[in-house]
């Protein structure tokens, strides 16, 4: 079998990570996680350097308690809802 060579074009890959389609995917996944975690969780999406980042965070005291007691966010990440 012949060996296959792969050459990565880093600049193209970095540009791809900043595109609107990628931001929509990241935002959608963060929204899914926030919804699965329950009420009181919010999402913030922004660009940091060469990538899009989403944060899911608690907005209310009830959400903070749910996270502290049951790990609502950790469970929501793997929920697959």
Protein backbone atom coordinates (compact mmCIF):
# COMPACT_ATOMS: atom_id res chain seq x y z
CA UNK A 1 0.00 0.00 0.00
CA UNK A 2 1.18 3.47 -0.81
CA UNK A 3 1.50 6.03 1.91
CA UNK A 4 -0.86 8.98 1.68
CA UNK A 5 0.52 12.42 2.39
CA UNK A 6 -1.76 15.05 3.85
CA UNK A 7 -0.79 18.69 3.82
CA UNK A 8 -2.85 20.96 6.04
CA UNK A 9 -3.45 24.55 5.05
CA UNK A 10 -3.59 26.11 8.50
CA UNK A 11 -4.67 29.55 7.29
CA UNK A 12 -7.65 28.05 5.47
CA UNK A 13 -8.57 25.95 8.50
CA UNK A 14 -8.40 29.02 10.75
CA UNK A 15 -10.62 30.97 8.34
CA UNK A 16 -13.12 28.11 8.28
CA UNK A 17 -13.39 28.14 12.09
CA UNK A 18 -14.53 31.78 12.01
CA UNK A 19 -17.29 31.37 9.41
CA UNK A 20 -20.93 32.00 10.16
CA UNK A 21 -21.86 28.36 9.61
CA UNK A 22 -19.48 27.25 12.34
CA UNK A 23 -20.79 29.95 14.66
CA UNK A 24 -24.33 28.70 14.04
CA UNK A 25 -23.32 25.11 14.90
CA UNK A 26 -21.50 26.17 18.07
CA UNK A 27 -24.37 28.44 19.11
CA UNK A 28 -26.94 25.73 18.45
CA UNK A 29 -25.06 23.20 20.56
CA UNK A 30 -24.70 25.70 23.42
CA UNK A 31 -28.44 26.48 23.25
CA UNK A 32 -29.20 22.74 23.37
CA UNK A 33 -27.02 22.34 26.46
CA UNK A 34 -28.64 25.36 28.17
CA UNK A 35 -32.13 24.00 27.43
CA UNK A 36 -31.21 20.53 28.72
CA UNK A 37 -29.72 22.04 31.91
CA UNK A 38 -33.03 23.70 32.73
CA UNK A 39 -34.34 27.19 33.39
CA UNK A 40 -31.94 29.92 34.46
CA UNK A 41 -29.05 29.00 32.16
CA UNK A 42 -27.95 31.38 29.39
CA UNK A 43 -25.59 31.31 26.39
CA UNK A 44 -22.94 33.76 25.19
CA UNK A 45 -21.22 33.25 21.82
CA UNK A 46 -18.21 35.26 20.69
CA UNK A 47 -15.03 35.04 18.63
CA UNK A 48 -11.69 34.67 20.36
CA UNK A 49 -8.79 34.93 17.96
CA UNK A 50 -9.20 32.22 15.34
CA UNK A 51 -12.22 30.43 16.78
CA UNK A 52 -15.80 30.80 17.90
CA UNK A 53 -16.46 30.13 21.58
CA UNK A 54 -19.74 29.58 23.40
CA UNK A 55 -20.26 29.75 27.15
CA UNK A 56 -23.27 28.35 28.98
CA UNK A 57 -23.61 29.95 32.39
CA UNK A 58 -26.04 30.35 35.26
CA UNK A 59 -28.21 33.46 35.29
CA UNK A 60 -30.32 32.85 38.37
CA UNK A 61 -29.80 31.72 41.93
CA UNK A 62 -31.96 28.64 41.27
CA UNK A 63 -29.72 27.64 38.36
CA UNK A 64 -26.64 28.13 40.54
CA UNK A 65 -28.16 25.82 43.16
CA UNK A 66 -29.06 23.23 40.50
CA UNK A 67 -25.49 23.29 39.21
CA UNK A 68 -24.01 23.03 42.70
CA UNK A 69 -26.34 20.22 43.85
CA UNK A 70 -26.79 18.09 40.75
CA UNK A 71 -24.17 19.22 38.21
CA UNK A 72 -26.90 20.23 35.78
CA UNK A 73 -24.49 21.57 33.15
CA UNK A 74 -22.23 18.52 33.21
CA UNK A 75 -25.23 16.26 32.77
CA UNK A 76 -26.61 18.47 29.99
CA UNK A 77 -23.39 18.29 27.99
CA UNK A 78 -23.75 14.55 27.52
CA UNK A 79 -27.53 14.46 27.35
CA UNK A 80 -27.80 14.31 23.55
CA UNK A 81 -31.25 15.88 23.60
